[in-house]
C-alpha cells in the first residue's frame, strides 16, 4: 500500500505546477488515489497472480497452507463475503473468490435461467469478473473513507496518538481484492474463441482461468450425465490459447487450471489423430469401446475401423454419432489427462468426481505425482453431493470393515433425521469438518471451493424470511430474523446507505464544493439510528 504522507506530497507537487489548481487539496487527492488503488483490471490480474503463485509455493512447502473460496454470482455477494472474512479473521490470506459458469448460466443470462451447458452469453463471464472487482474496490474505498473520517476526528480532538495510529492503519491497509478462479467452461468454441474470451477475462481482472476437456457445443454440468470429452490435442490447443492471452497482456504468471471430466464422461465426439503407436492420440483411442475385427467381412457399411492396441478395432458408434469409452477406464483417462495437461502448460488440476472421498482423490493424485511430483488440485466441494448421506455411508462402510456392529443403522436411509444425534452421524460430521484439511494433506488439494454456495444461501434465507413475514410474525419476521441479527452480528450493510456509497459521495461533494456541499449524512439521516 502506498504511504499516505508520500501520496499527499506527490499530489502536492502536481498541484504546485499548475497555477489554476489552487482550489485542489493535495490530501483530498491522496485520499481518492488510495481509495482507488487498482486503476485497471490488468493491474488486478498482475497483483493477484503474484499472490496465487506465492500461495502455491507455500502449499508445496506445507500442505496445511491450502486455500479456499466460495462461488459468488453477484458483485455484492463477493463484496460482503470479503468484508465478512476481514471482520472475522483479520485478513484475507489464502481466501479467494470463485466464479462459476453454472451460476452465470442459472442467474446472469439474458435468456433467463439456463442449465450448465454453455448456452449463456460468453460476455457475461468477463462482465461478472469486472462487477466483482468493482464491488471489492468499492469495499476498499468505503473502509478507507471511514479511516479518513476517523483521522479527521482525531485531529479535530487534538489526539495525536490516535491520529498516528489511524495513519498507520491507512499505510498498512489490506485490500479486499483477492484472486478469482474464473470458469471459462470448455472455451466457448474453438481455440481462437477461447483465446479471445480469455483476453476479456484477464482484462477484467482474472489471474486464474479454469478450462475443462469437454466438447464446447456438447458441454454438460460436471455432475450430470451425457458428458463428452475431446482428444488431448484439442484440449492442449486451448490451454496454449489461454497462456498466449496471459502473456500477450503481460500477466506472465497467470494461472491455468486444467479440469478433466473423464471420470464421469463415457463418450467422445472424435477419434483422435495418431501418427505412431503409443502417442497421445493412440493412447486416447486405446480406451474406446468396440469390437476387434479380423477381416473386411466383419465390417458393415458406414463402420469406422482404426488400429489400436496393435489390432483392428471397430469402435462402438452410437446413434448420436458419438463414440463410447470402455466402462471402468475413467480413472486411467483422468490420470493421463492430468499428466498431459501439466506437461503442456497447465499449473493446477481439477478432477471432477461423483462423490467427496479423500481416498478416491488420493488414489488418482498419487499416480499423477509419480510422474509430476508437485501436482496440485483445485477441488469442487460441490453442493451436488449429498454430503450428509455420503459421509454417513462412508463411516458405515468403514465401521463394517472394522467389524463394528452397525445393525442399528439402515445404510440406505442414513439421511433420516432420526440418525442426527447418533455416534455414526457425529463421526460423519467430524469427517466433513476435516475434509478440506484431510484432502489438502493427503490428496494434493491446494484449493478448496464450493461452486454454488451463495445460490443456495440466497434461496434458504429468502424462504425463511417469506415464511415469517407473510405469516403470523409479520414485520417481526424481518426485524427478529434479519435486522436484529445484523445489528448483533455487526453486519456492516445494516447501514445500507453507507454500504451503497452515500458517505463516500458526501466526502467527494466536500472536496468539490467545500462548505457549500449538500451532504446526505446530516442529523436527519435515519442511518444514525444504528450508531
Protein backbone atom coordinates (compact mmCIF):
# COMPACT_ATOMS: atom_id res chain seq x y z
CA UNK A 1 0.00 0.00 0.00
CA UNK A 2 1.43 3.43 -0.90
CA UNK A 3 2.44 5.60 2.06
CA UNK A 4 -0.17 8.22 2.97
CA UNK A 5 2.16 11.15 3.51
CA UNK A 6 4.19 10.35 0.38
CA UNK A 7 0.99 10.24 -1.66
CA UNK A 8 -0.01 13.65 -0.30
CA UNK A 9 3.41 15.02 -1.20
CA UNK A 10 3.21 13.65 -4.75
CA UNK A 11 -0.22 15.18 -5.25
CA UNK A 12 1.04 18.47 -3.84
CA UNK A 13 3.89 18.61 -6.34
CA UNK A 14 1.46 18.12 -9.23
CA UNK A 15 -0.83 20.87 -7.92
CA UNK A 16 2.03 23.34 -7.37
CA UNK A 17 2.95 23.17 -11.04
CA UNK A 18 -0.49 24.43 -12.12
CA UNK A 19 -1.41 27.95 -11.08
CA UNK A 20 -5.14 27.48 -11.67
CA UNK A 21 -5.38 24.40 -9.43
CA UNK A 22 -5.13 26.35 -6.17
CA UNK A 23 -8.55 25.08 -5.02
CA UNK A 24 -7.45 21.44 -5.31
CA UNK A 25 -6.45 19.96 -1.95
CA UNK A 26 -3.45 17.59 -2.04
CA UNK A 27 -4.69 15.48 0.89
CA UNK A 28 -8.09 15.03 -0.75
CA UNK A 29 -6.37 13.89 -3.96
CA UNK A 30 -4.24 11.46 -1.95
CA UNK A 31 -7.33 10.01 -0.32
CA UNK A 32 -9.02 9.48 -3.66
CA UNK A 33 -5.89 7.81 -5.03
CA UNK A 34 -5.61 5.46 -2.06
CA UNK A 35 -9.31 4.64 -2.31
CA UNK A 36 -8.77 3.63 -5.94
CA UNK A 37 -5.54 1.64 -5.73
CA UNK A 38 -6.25 -0.53 -8.79
CA UNK A 39 -6.80 1.56 -11.90
CA UNK A 40 -7.47 -1.29 -14.37
CA UNK A 41 -8.41 -4.96 -14.44
CA UNK A 42 -4.90 -5.77 -15.64
CA UNK A 43 -3.49 -4.13 -12.50
CA UNK A 44 -5.67 -6.52 -10.52
CA UNK A 45 -4.70 -9.58 -12.58
CA UNK A 46 -0.98 -8.89 -12.12
CA UNK A 47 -1.39 -8.23 -8.39
CA UNK A 48 -3.49 -11.32 -7.70
CA UNK A 49 -1.42 -13.66 -9.92
CA UNK A 50 1.57 -12.92 -7.70
CA UNK A 51 -0.48 -13.72 -4.61
CA UNK A 52 -1.67 -17.00 -6.06
CA UNK A 53 1.84 -18.07 -7.13
CA UNK A 54 3.13 -17.30 -3.64
CA UNK A 55 0.30 -19.35 -2.13
CA UNK A 56 1.08 -22.28 -4.44
CA UNK A 57 4.72 -22.20 -3.33
CA UNK A 58 3.66 -22.04 0.32
CA UNK A 59 1.45 -25.10 -0.19
CA UNK A 60 4.36 -27.01 -1.72
CA UNK A 61 6.32 -26.31 1.48
CA UNK A 62 3.48 -27.20 3.84
CA UNK A 63 0.16 -28.73 2.82
CA UNK A 64 -1.54 -27.01 5.74
CA UNK A 65 -1.33 -23.86 3.59
CA UNK A 66 -4.27 -24.75 1.39
CA UNK A 67 -6.57 -22.06 0.02
CA UNK A 68 -10.36 -21.69 -0.13
CA UNK A 69 -13.10 -19.85 -1.95
CA UNK A 70 -16.86 -19.59 -2.32
CA UNK A 71 -18.67 -19.12 -5.61
CA UNK A 72 -20.31 -15.69 -5.96
CA UNK A 73 -22.87 -14.76 -8.61
CA UNK A 74 -23.04 -11.00 -7.96
CA UNK A 75 -20.56 -8.29 -7.03
CA UNK A 76 -22.41 -7.51 -3.80
CA UNK A 77 -22.23 -11.14 -2.68
CA UNK A 78 -18.47 -11.25 -3.32
CA UNK A 79 -18.02 -7.93 -1.54
CA UNK A 80 -19.94 -8.99 1.56
CA UNK A 81 -18.01 -12.27 1.66
CA UNK A 82 -14.65 -10.46 1.74
CA UNK A 83 -15.89 -7.87 4.25
CA UNK A 84 -17.00 -10.75 6.48
CA UNK A 85 -13.65 -12.52 6.11
CA UNK A 86 -11.73 -9.39 7.11
CA UNK A 87 -14.08 -8.85 10.06
CA UNK A 88 -13.91 -12.39 11.41
CA UNK A 89 -10.31 -13.37 10.58
CA UNK A 90 -8.44 -10.07 10.33
CA UNK A 91 -7.05 -10.66 6.84
CA UNK A 92 -7.86 -12.27 3.51
CA UNK A 93 -4.81 -14.53 3.33
CA UNK A 94 -5.38 -17.69 1.24
CA UNK A 95 -9.05 -16.82 0.70
CA UNK A 96 -10.23 -16.25 -2.88
CA UNK A 97 -13.40 -15.85 -4.93
CA UNK A 98 -14.73 -18.43 -7.36
CA UNK A 99 -16.67 -17.52 -10.49
CA UNK A 100 -18.94 -20.38 -11.52
CA UNK A 101 -20.12 -20.88 -15.08
CA UNK A 102 -23.06 -22.79 -13.62
CA UNK A 103 -24.22 -19.74 -11.68
CA UNK A 104 -23.73 -17.41 -14.64
CA UNK A 105 -25.95 -19.71 -16.70
CA UNK A 106 -28.55 -20.01 -13.95
CA UNK A 107 -28.61 -16.40 -12.78
CA UNK A 108 -26.89 -13.98 -15.15
CA UNK A 109 -28.06 -14.79 -18.69
CA UNK A 110 -30.39 -12.55 -20.70
CA UNK A 111 -32.13 -15.77 -21.77
CA UNK A 112 -33.21 -16.35 -18.18
CA UNK A 113 -32.28 -19.37 -16.06
CA UNK A 114 -30.31 -21.92 -18.10
CA UNK A 115 -28.70 -25.29 -17.41
CA UNK A 116 -24.92 -25.51 -17.23
CA UNK A 117 -24.40 -26.19 -20.93
CA UNK A 118 -22.52 -23.07 -22.14
CA UNK A 119 -25.67 -21.61 -23.69
CA UNK A 120 -25.34 -18.27 -21.87
CA UNK A 121 -23.66 -15.24 -23.39
CA UNK A 122 -19.91 -15.64 -23.01
CA UNK A 123 -19.61 -11.88 -22.48
CA UNK A 124 -21.38 -12.45 -19.15
CA UNK A 125 -18.21 -14.13 -17.84
CA UNK A 126 -15.83 -11.13 -18.06
CA UNK A 127 -18.81 -8.97 -17.13
CA UNK A 128 -19.15 -10.72 -13.78
CA UNK A 129 -15.38 -10.60 -13.16
CA UNK A 130 -15.46 -6.83 -13.70
CA UNK A 131 -18.52 -6.49 -11.48
CA UNK A 132 -16.95 -8.50 -8.65
CA UNK A 133 -13.83 -6.36 -8.68
CA UNK A 134 -15.87 -3.15 -8.89
CA UNK A 135 -17.60 -4.13 -5.66
CA UNK A 136 -14.35 -5.22 -3.99
CA UNK A 137 -12.71 -1.92 -4.90
CA UNK A 138 -15.76 -0.11 -3.52
CA UNK A 139 -15.31 -2.06 -0.26
CA UNK A 140 -11.75 -0.72 -0.12
CA UNK A 141 -12.94 2.84 -0.77
CA UNK A 142 -15.67 2.58 1.86
CA UNK A 143 -13.37 1.24 4.58
CA UNK A 144 -10.61 3.73 3.74
CA UNK A 145 -13.18 6.54 3.81
CA UNK A 146 -14.08 5.53 7.34
CA UNK A 147 -10.40 5.69 8.33
CA UNK A 148 -10.03 9.14 6.76
CA UNK A 149 -13.06 10.45 8.65
CA UNK A 150 -11.70 8.93 11.88
CA UNK A 151 -8.35 10.63 11.20
CA UNK A 152 -10.08 13.99 10.79
CA UNK A 153 -11.99 13.46 14.04
CA UNK A 154 -8.79 12.61 15.93
CA UNK A 155 -7.07 15.69 14.55
CA UNK A 156 -10.05 17.90 15.48
CA UNK A 157 -9.92 16.49 19.00
CA UNK A 158 -6.18 17.15 19.19
CA UNK A 159 -5.48 13.45 19.82
CA UNK A 160 -2.15 12.98 18.03
CA UNK A 161 -1.62 9.47 19.38
CA UNK A 162 -4.91 8.27 17.90
CA UNK A 163 -4.23 10.16 14.67
CA UNK A 164 -0.86 8.43 14.33
CA UNK A 165 -2.47 5.03 14.96
CA UNK A 166 -5.11 5.66 12.28
CA UNK A 167 -2.47 6.80 9.79
CA UNK A 168 -0.60 3.56 10.48
CA UNK A 169 -3.80 1.63 9.69
CA UNK A 170 -4.07 3.56 6.42
CA UNK A 171 -0.46 2.80 5.48
CA UNK A 172 -0.95 -0.92 6.26
CA UNK A 173 -4.43 -1.26 4.80
CA UNK A 174 -5.21 -4.70 3.37
CA UNK A 175 -7.29 -4.64 0.22
CA UNK A 176 -10.44 -6.70 -0.28
CA UNK A 177 -9.14 -7.52 -3.78
CA UNK A 178 -8.20 -11.22 -3.92
CA UNK A 179 -7.65 -13.77 -6.69
CA UNK A 180 -10.65 -15.02 -8.64
CA UNK A 181 -10.60 -18.51 -10.12
CA UNK A 182 -12.76 -17.94 -13.20
CA UNK A 183 -14.62 -20.63 -15.12
CA UNK A 184 -14.32 -20.44 -18.92
CA UNK A 185 -16.27 -23.72 -19.30
CA UNK A 186 -14.95 -25.65 -22.33
CA UNK A 187 -13.78 -22.47 -24.06
CA UNK A 188 -16.97 -21.43 -25.90
CA UNK A 189 -15.83 -22.61 -29.31
CA UNK A 190 -12.52 -23.34 -31.00
CA UNK A 191 -9.13 -22.30 -29.66
CA UNK A 192 -9.40 -18.82 -31.20
CA UNK A 193 -12.72 -18.27 -29.42
CA UNK A 194 -11.10 -19.45 -26.19
CA UNK A 195 -8.20 -17.03 -26.65
CA UNK A 196 -10.50 -14.05 -27.31
CA UNK A 197 -12.67 -14.76 -24.27
CA UNK A 198 -9.63 -15.41 -22.06
CA UNK A 199 -8.28 -11.98 -23.02
CA UNK A 200 -11.51 -10.30 -21.97
CA UNK A 201 -11.48 -12.21 -18.68
CA UNK A 202 -7.88 -11.23 -17.94
CA UNK A 203 -8.53 -7.59 -18.89
CA UNK A 204 -11.43 -7.67 -16.39
CA UNK A 205 -9.05 -8.86 -13.66
CA UNK A 206 -8.85 -12.67 -13.79
CA UNK A 207 -5.47 -14.07 -12.78
CA UNK A 208 -6.65 -17.68 -12.92
CA UNK A 209 -8.72 -19.37 -15.62
CA UNK A 210 -10.22 -22.83 -15.31
CA UNK A 211 -10.93 -24.77 -18.51
CA UNK A 212 -12.41 -28.25 -18.98
CA UNK A 213 -11.86 -31.01 -21.53
CA UNK A 214 -15.45 -31.35 -22.69
CA UNK A 215 -16.68 -30.60 -26.19
CA UNK A 216 -17.78 -26.95 -26.29
CA UNK A 217 -21.10 -27.50 -28.05
CA UNK A 218 -21.90 -30.63 -26.01
CA UNK A 219 -20.82 -29.19 -22.64
CA UNK A 220 -22.67 -30.51 -19.58
CA UNK A 221 -22.50 -29.79 -15.87
CA UNK A 222 -19.79 -31.98 -14.36
CA UNK A 223 -22.37 -33.65 -12.14
CA UNK A 224 -24.80 -34.56 -14.90
CA UNK A 225 -24.85 -37.37 -17.41
CA UNK A 226 -24.01 -37.14 -21.11
CA UNK A 227 -20.54 -35.58 -20.85
CA UNK A 228 -18.39 -35.78 -23.99
CA UNK A 229 -14.60 -35.24 -23.91
CA UNK A 230 -12.20 -34.17 -26.64
CA UNK A 231 -8.84 -35.68 -27.66
CA UNK A 232 -5.84 -34.27 -25.83
CA UNK A 233 -4.56 -32.31 -28.83
CA UNK A 234 -7.76 -30.24 -28.92
CA UNK A 235 -7.64 -29.51 -25.20
CA UNK A 236 -3.94 -28.63 -25.19
CA UNK A 237 -4.51 -26.13 -28.01
CA UNK A 238 -6.97 -24.32 -25.72
CA UNK A 239 -4.55 -24.39 -22.79
CA UNK A 240 -1.96 -22.78 -25.05
CA UNK A 241 -4.54 -20.23 -26.21
CA UNK A 242 -5.14 -19.17 -22.60
CA UNK A 243 -1.40 -18.96 -21.93
CA UNK A 244 -0.90 -16.80 -25.02
CA UNK A 245 -3.68 -14.50 -23.78
CA UNK A 246 -1.99 -14.12 -20.38
CA UNK A 247 1.41 -13.45 -21.92
CA UNK A 248 0.14 -11.02 -24.56
CA UNK A 249 -1.35 -8.92 -21.78
CA UNK A 250 1.78 -9.07 -19.63
CA UNK A 251 0.40 -11.38 -16.94
CA UNK A 252 3.24 -13.85 -17.34
CA UNK A 253 2.49 -15.64 -14.05
CA UNK A 254 -1.22 -16.14 -14.79
CA UNK A 255 -2.57 -19.47 -13.56
CA UNK A 256 -4.33 -22.12 -15.66
CA UNK A 257 -6.48 -24.82 -14.08
CA UNK A 258 -6.98 -27.84 -16.35
CA UNK A 259 -10.16 -29.66 -15.47
CA UNK A 260 -10.86 -33.23 -16.52
CA UNK A 261 -14.37 -34.63 -16.65
CA UNK A 262 -13.16 -38.03 -17.81
CA UNK A 263 -14.14 -39.82 -14.60
CA UNK A 264 -17.81 -39.33 -15.40
CA UNK A 265 -17.58 -38.89 -19.18
CA UNK A 266 -18.14 -42.07 -21.15
CA UNK A 267 -18.28 -40.52 -24.62
CA UNK A 268 -16.07 -38.81 -27.18
CA UNK A 269 -17.09 -36.91 -30.28
CA UNK A 270 -13.88 -37.64 -32.15
CA UNK A 271 -11.40 -40.39 -32.73
CA UNK A 272 -8.01 -38.86 -32.05
CA UNK A 273 -5.44 -38.34 -34.75
CA UNK A 274 -2.48 -40.66 -34.19
CA UNK A 275 0.83 -40.77 -36.00
CA UNK A 276 2.64 -43.53 -34.15
CA UNK A 277 1.87 -46.33 -31.71
CA UNK A 278 1.83 -45.07 -28.13
CA UNK A 279 1.44 -41.37 -28.94
CA UNK A 280 -1.26 -39.31 -27.21
CA UNK A 281 -3.83 -39.94 -29.93
CA UNK A 282 -3.17 -43.66 -29.81
CA UNK A 283 -3.48 -43.67 -26.01
CA UNK A 284 -6.80 -41.80 -26.21
CA UNK A 285 -8.14 -44.23 -28.80
CA UNK A 286 -6.99 -47.24 -26.78
CA UNK A 287 -9.81 -46.57 -24.31
CA UNK A 288 -12.54 -46.79 -26.98
CA UNK A 289 -15.18 -49.46 -26.64
CA UNK A 290 -15.77 -51.68 -29.65
CA UNK A 291 -15.02 -54.98 -31.33
CA UNK A 292 -11.76 -56.24 -32.75
CA UNK A 293 -12.14 -57.48 -36.32
CA UNK A 294 -10.05 -59.86 -38.36
CA UNK A 295 -11.38 -59.35 -41.88
CA UNK A 296 -13.33 -56.96 -44.10
CA UNK A 297 -16.31 -59.34 -43.88
CA UNK A 298 -16.86 -58.19 -40.28
CA UNK A 299 -17.14 -54.54 -41.33
CA UNK A 300 -20.59 -53.19 -42.20
CA UNK A 301 -21.47 -50.22 -44.40
CA UNK A 302 -20.53 -46.98 -42.61
CA UNK A 303 -18.42 -48.66 -39.93
CA UNK A 304 -15.25 -46.94 -38.76
CA UNK A 305 -12.17 -49.07 -38.19
CA UNK A 306 -8.92 -47.94 -36.57
CA UNK A 307 -5.73 -49.63 -35.49
CA UNK A 308 -5.48 -49.60 -31.69
CA UNK A 309 -3.55 -51.76 -29.26
CA UNK A 310 -1.90 -53.39 -32.26
CA UNK A 311 -5.22 -54.67 -33.63
CA UNK A 312 -8.05 -53.54 -35.90
CA UNK A 313 -10.78 -52.03 -33.73
CA UNK A 314 -14.32 -51.21 -34.82
CA UNK A 315 -15.30 -48.52 -32.26
CA UNK A 316 -18.83 -48.59 -30.93
CA UNK A 317 -20.64 -45.67 -32.56
CA UNK A 318 -23.92 -44.50 -31.05
CA UNK A 319 -26.95 -43.17 -32.98
CA UNK A 320 -25.81 -39.68 -31.86
CA UNK A 321 -22.62 -40.26 -33.88
CA UNK A 322 -20.62 -40.26 -30.64
CA UNK A 323 -18.13 -42.94 -29.70
CA UNK A 324 -18.16 -44.74 -26.38
CA UNK A 325 -15.30 -45.49 -24.00
CA UNK A 326 -14.95 -48.85 -22.29
CA UNK A 327 -16.50 -48.95 -18.84
CA UNK A 328 -14.01 -48.86 -15.99
CA UNK A 329 -11.46 -46.71 -17.84
CA UNK A 330 -12.40 -43.40 -16.21
CA UNK A 331 -9.61 -43.21 -13.64
CA UNK A 332 -6.96 -44.21 -16.17
CA UNK A 333 -8.19 -41.50 -18.52
CA UNK A 334 -8.18 -38.94 -15.68
CA UNK A 335 -4.57 -39.74 -14.80
CA UNK A 336 -3.49 -39.46 -18.45
CA UNK A 337 -5.42 -36.18 -18.85
CA UNK A 338 -3.82 -34.65 -15.76
CA UNK A 339 -0.25 -35.67 -16.53
CA UNK A 340 -0.61 -34.47 -20.12
CA UNK A 341 -2.08 -31.10 -19.07
CA UNK A 342 0.67 -30.43 -16.54
CA UNK A 343 3.33 -31.37 -19.07
CA UNK A 344 1.83 -28.91 -21.55
CA UNK A 345 1.44 -25.67 -19.64
CA UNK A 346 -1.32 -26.11 -17.05
CA UNK A 347 -0.48 -25.12 -13.46
CA UNK A 348 -3.24 -26.78 -11.45
CA UNK A 349 -5.63 -29.68 -11.93
CA UNK A 350 -9.35 -30.11 -11.34
CA UNK A 351 -10.71 -33.63 -11.17
CA UNK A 352 -14.50 -33.70 -11.19
CA UNK A 353 -15.64 -36.63 -9.07
CA UNK A 354 -19.02 -38.15 -8.29
CA UNK A 355 -18.53 -38.07 -4.51
CA UNK A 356 -16.28 -36.36 -1.92
CA UNK A 357 -13.94 -39.19 -0.93
CA UNK A 358 -10.35 -38.43 0.13
CA UNK A 359 -9.19 -41.96 -0.65
CA UNK A 360 -10.53 -41.87 -4.20
CA UNK A 361 -8.93 -38.49 -4.93
CA UNK A 362 -5.63 -39.52 -3.34
CA UNK A 363 -5.51 -42.72 -5.39
CA UNK A 364 -5.56 -40.72 -8.64
CA UNK A 365 -3.26 -37.97 -7.36
CA UNK A 366 -0.63 -40.49 -6.22
CA UNK A 367 -0.49 -41.88 -9.77
CA UNK A 368 -0.19 -38.36 -11.22
CA UNK A 369 2.53 -37.39 -8.74
CA UNK A 370 4.55 -40.44 -9.69
CA UNK A 371 5.17 -38.55 -12.95
CA UNK A 372 4.70 -34.89 -11.87
CA UNK A 373 5.71 -34.73 -8.18
CA UNK A 374 4.35 -31.24 -7.42
CA UNK A 375 0.91 -31.81 -8.98
CA UNK A 376 -1.76 -29.83 -7.14
CA UNK A 377 -5.54 -29.80 -7.34
CA UNK A 378 -8.40 -27.38 -7.23
CA UNK A 379 -11.30 -29.40 -5.82
CA UNK A 380 -15.01 -28.78 -6.12
CA UNK A 381 -16.69 -29.26 -2.74
CA UNK A 382 -19.89 -29.42 -4.70
CA UNK A 383 -23.45 -28.86 -3.44
CA UNK A 384 -24.34 -31.53 -6.00
CA UNK A 385 -23.01 -34.05 -3.45
CA UNK A 386 -25.29 -35.09 -0.62
CA UNK A 387 -22.53 -34.57 1.94
CA UNK A 388 -24.53 -35.85 4.88
CA UNK A 389 -25.53 -39.12 3.20
CA UNK A 390 -22.13 -39.66 1.57
CA UNK A 391 -20.16 -39.33 4.78
CA UNK A 392 -22.61 -41.30 6.88
CA UNK A 393 -22.32 -44.10 4.35
CA UNK A 394 -18.53 -43.80 4.37
CA UNK A 395 -18.49 -44.19 8.15
CA UNK A 396 -20.99 -47.07 7.93
CA UNK A 397 -18.76 -48.88 5.42
CA UNK A 398 -15.58 -48.22 7.41
CA UNK A 399 -17.14 -49.49 10.61
CA UNK A 400 -18.49 -52.56 8.83
CA UNK A 401 -15.00 -53.38 7.52
CA UNK A 402 -13.61 -52.95 11.04
CA UNK A 403 -16.16 -55.44 12.36
CA UNK A 404 -18.09 -52.84 14.35
CA UNK A 405 -21.78 -53.57 14.90
CA UNK A 406 -23.84 -51.33 12.59
CA UNK A 407 -27.11 -53.26 12.91
CA UNK A 408 -28.83 -50.19 14.35
CA UNK A 409 -28.40 -48.31 11.06
CA UNK A 410 -30.15 -48.62 7.70
CA UNK A 411 -27.42 -47.68 5.20
CA UNK A 412 -29.89 -46.63 2.50
CA UNK A 413 -31.80 -44.38 4.91
CA UNK A 414 -28.93 -42.69 6.75
CA UNK A 415 -30.09 -39.23 5.65
CA UNK A 416 -33.02 -39.56 8.04
CA UNK A 417 -33.14 -37.04 10.91
CA UNK A 418 -33.59 -39.94 13.34
CA UNK A 419 -29.85 -40.59 12.99
CA UNK A 420 -28.75 -36.97 13.56
CA UNK A 421 -27.58 -37.44 17.17
CA UNK A 422 -26.13 -40.93 16.78
CA UNK A 423 -22.48 -41.87 17.17
CA UNK A 424 -22.25 -42.63 13.44
CA UNK A 425 -23.59 -39.24 12.40
CA UNK A 426 -21.37 -37.38 14.85
CA UNK A 427 -18.35 -39.17 13.38
CA UNK A 428 -19.56 -38.38 9.84
CA UNK A 429 -19.85 -34.68 10.72
CA UNK A 430 -16.34 -34.75 12.19
CA UNK A 431 -15.05 -36.12 8.87
CA UNK A 432 -16.98 -33.48 6.90
CA UNK A 433 -15.47 -30.80 9.13
CA UNK A 434 -11.92 -32.07 8.50
CA UNK A 435 -12.46 -32.98 4.82
CA UNK A 436 -10.64 -29.96 3.40
CA UNK A 437 -7.72 -30.32 5.80
CA UNK A 438 -7.51 -34.08 5.14
CA UNK A 439 -7.72 -33.70 1.36
CA UNK A 440 -5.07 -30.97 1.39
CA UNK A 441 -2.73 -33.14 3.47
CA UNK A 442 -3.33 -36.49 1.77
CA UNK A 443 -4.75 -35.86 -1.72
CA UNK A 444 -2.83 -32.88 -3.08
CA UNK A 445 -5.71 -30.39 -2.90
CA UNK A 446 -4.26 -26.87 -2.93
CA UNK A 447 -7.57 -25.05 -3.33
CA UNK A 448 -10.98 -25.98 -1.97
CA UNK A 449 -14.02 -24.24 -3.37
CA UNK A 450 -17.78 -24.55 -3.17
CA UNK A 451 -19.19 -23.75 -6.59
CA UNK A 452 -22.75 -22.71 -5.76
CA UNK A 453 -23.00 -21.84 -2.05
CA UNK A 454 -24.45 -18.35 -2.38
CA UNK A 455 -27.09 -19.64 -4.81
CA UNK A 456 -28.31 -21.89 -2.01
CA UNK A 457 -27.92 -19.36 0.82
CA UNK A 458 -29.97 -16.80 -1.13
CA UNK A 459 -32.76 -19.34 -1.59
CA UNK A 460 -32.65 -20.52 2.04
CA UNK A 461 -32.64 -17.04 3.61
CA UNK A 462 -35.43 -15.88 1.29
CA UNK A 463 -37.52 -18.93 2.18
CA UNK A 464 -37.09 -18.24 5.89
CA UNK A 465 -37.99 -14.55 5.51
CA UNK A 466 -41.04 -15.28 3.33
CA UNK A 467 -42.33 -17.88 5.79
CA UNK A 468 -42.15 -15.45 8.71
CA UNK A 469 -43.03 -12.11 7.08
CA UNK A 470 -46.06 -13.34 5.14
CA UNK A 471 -47.15 -15.46 8.09
CA UNK A 472 -48.22 -14.59 11.61
CA UNK A 473 -44.90 -12.96 12.53
CA UNK A 474 -45.46 -10.12 10.08
CA UNK A 475 -42.87 -7.35 10.46
CA UNK A 476 -41.29 -9.20 13.37
CA UNK A 477 -40.25 -11.84 10.86
CA UNK A 478 -37.93 -9.28 9.27
CA UNK A 479 -36.88 -7.48 12.45
CA UNK A 480 -36.04 -10.58 14.51
CA UNK A 481 -34.89 -12.74 11.63
CA UNK A 482 -32.80 -10.17 9.77
CA UNK A 483 -32.25 -6.68 11.16
CA UNK A 484 -31.73 -7.55 14.81
CA UNK A 485 -29.25 -10.24 13.79
CA UNK A 486 -27.43 -7.77 11.53
CA UNK A 487 -27.05 -5.37 14.47
CA UNK A 488 -25.98 -8.06 16.94
CA UNK A 489 -23.50 -9.62 14.49
CA UNK A 490 -22.06 -6.31 13.34
CA UNK A 491 -23.07 -6.75 9.71
CA UNK A 492 -21.85 -3.59 8.01
CA UNK A 493 -24.66 -3.35 5.48
CA UNK A 494 -27.24 -2.80 8.23
CA UNK A 495 -26.22 0.77 7.32
CA UNK A 496 -27.22 0.14 3.74
CA UNK A 497 -26.87 3.80 2.66
CA UNK A 498 -23.26 3.78 3.81
CA UNK A 499 -22.61 0.46 2.08
CA UNK A 500 -24.04 1.81 -1.17
CA UNK A 501 -21.61 4.76 -1.09
CA UNK A 502 -23.53 7.62 0.49
CA UNK A 503 -20.71 8.69 2.83
CA UNK A 504 -18.14 8.48 0.03
CA UNK A 505 -20.37 10.70 -2.06
CA UNK A 506 -20.51 13.20 0.79
CA UNK A 507 -16.71 13.18 1.04
CA UNK A 508 -16.41 13.92 -2.66
CA UNK A 509 -19.00 16.70 -2.52
CA UNK A 510 -16.97 18.31 0.26
CA UNK A 511 -13.78 18.04 -1.83
CA UNK A 512 -15.51 19.56 -4.85
CA UNK A 513 -17.76 22.20 -3.22
CA UNK A 514 -16.31 22.86 0.22
CA UNK A 515 -18.73 24.34 2.75
CA UNK A 516 -21.40 24.63 0.04
CA UNK A 517 -21.68 20.84 -0.28
CA UNK A 518 -25.18 19.45 0.24
CA UNK A 519 -24.43 16.26 2.17
CA UNK A 520 -26.71 13.33 2.95
CA UNK A 521 -25.19 12.29 6.27
CA UNK A 522 -26.65 15.01 8.47
CA UNK A 523 -28.63 14.65 11.69
CA UNK A 524 -31.84 13.67 9.88
CA UNK A 525 -30.29 10.63 8.19
CA UNK A 526 -32.14 7.62 9.63
CA UNK A 527 -28.95 5.54 9.40
CA UNK A 528 -27.86 7.43 12.55
CA UNK A 529 -30.24 5.11 14.45
CA UNK A 530 -27.66 2.34 14.03
CA UNK A 531 -24.83 4.17 15.82
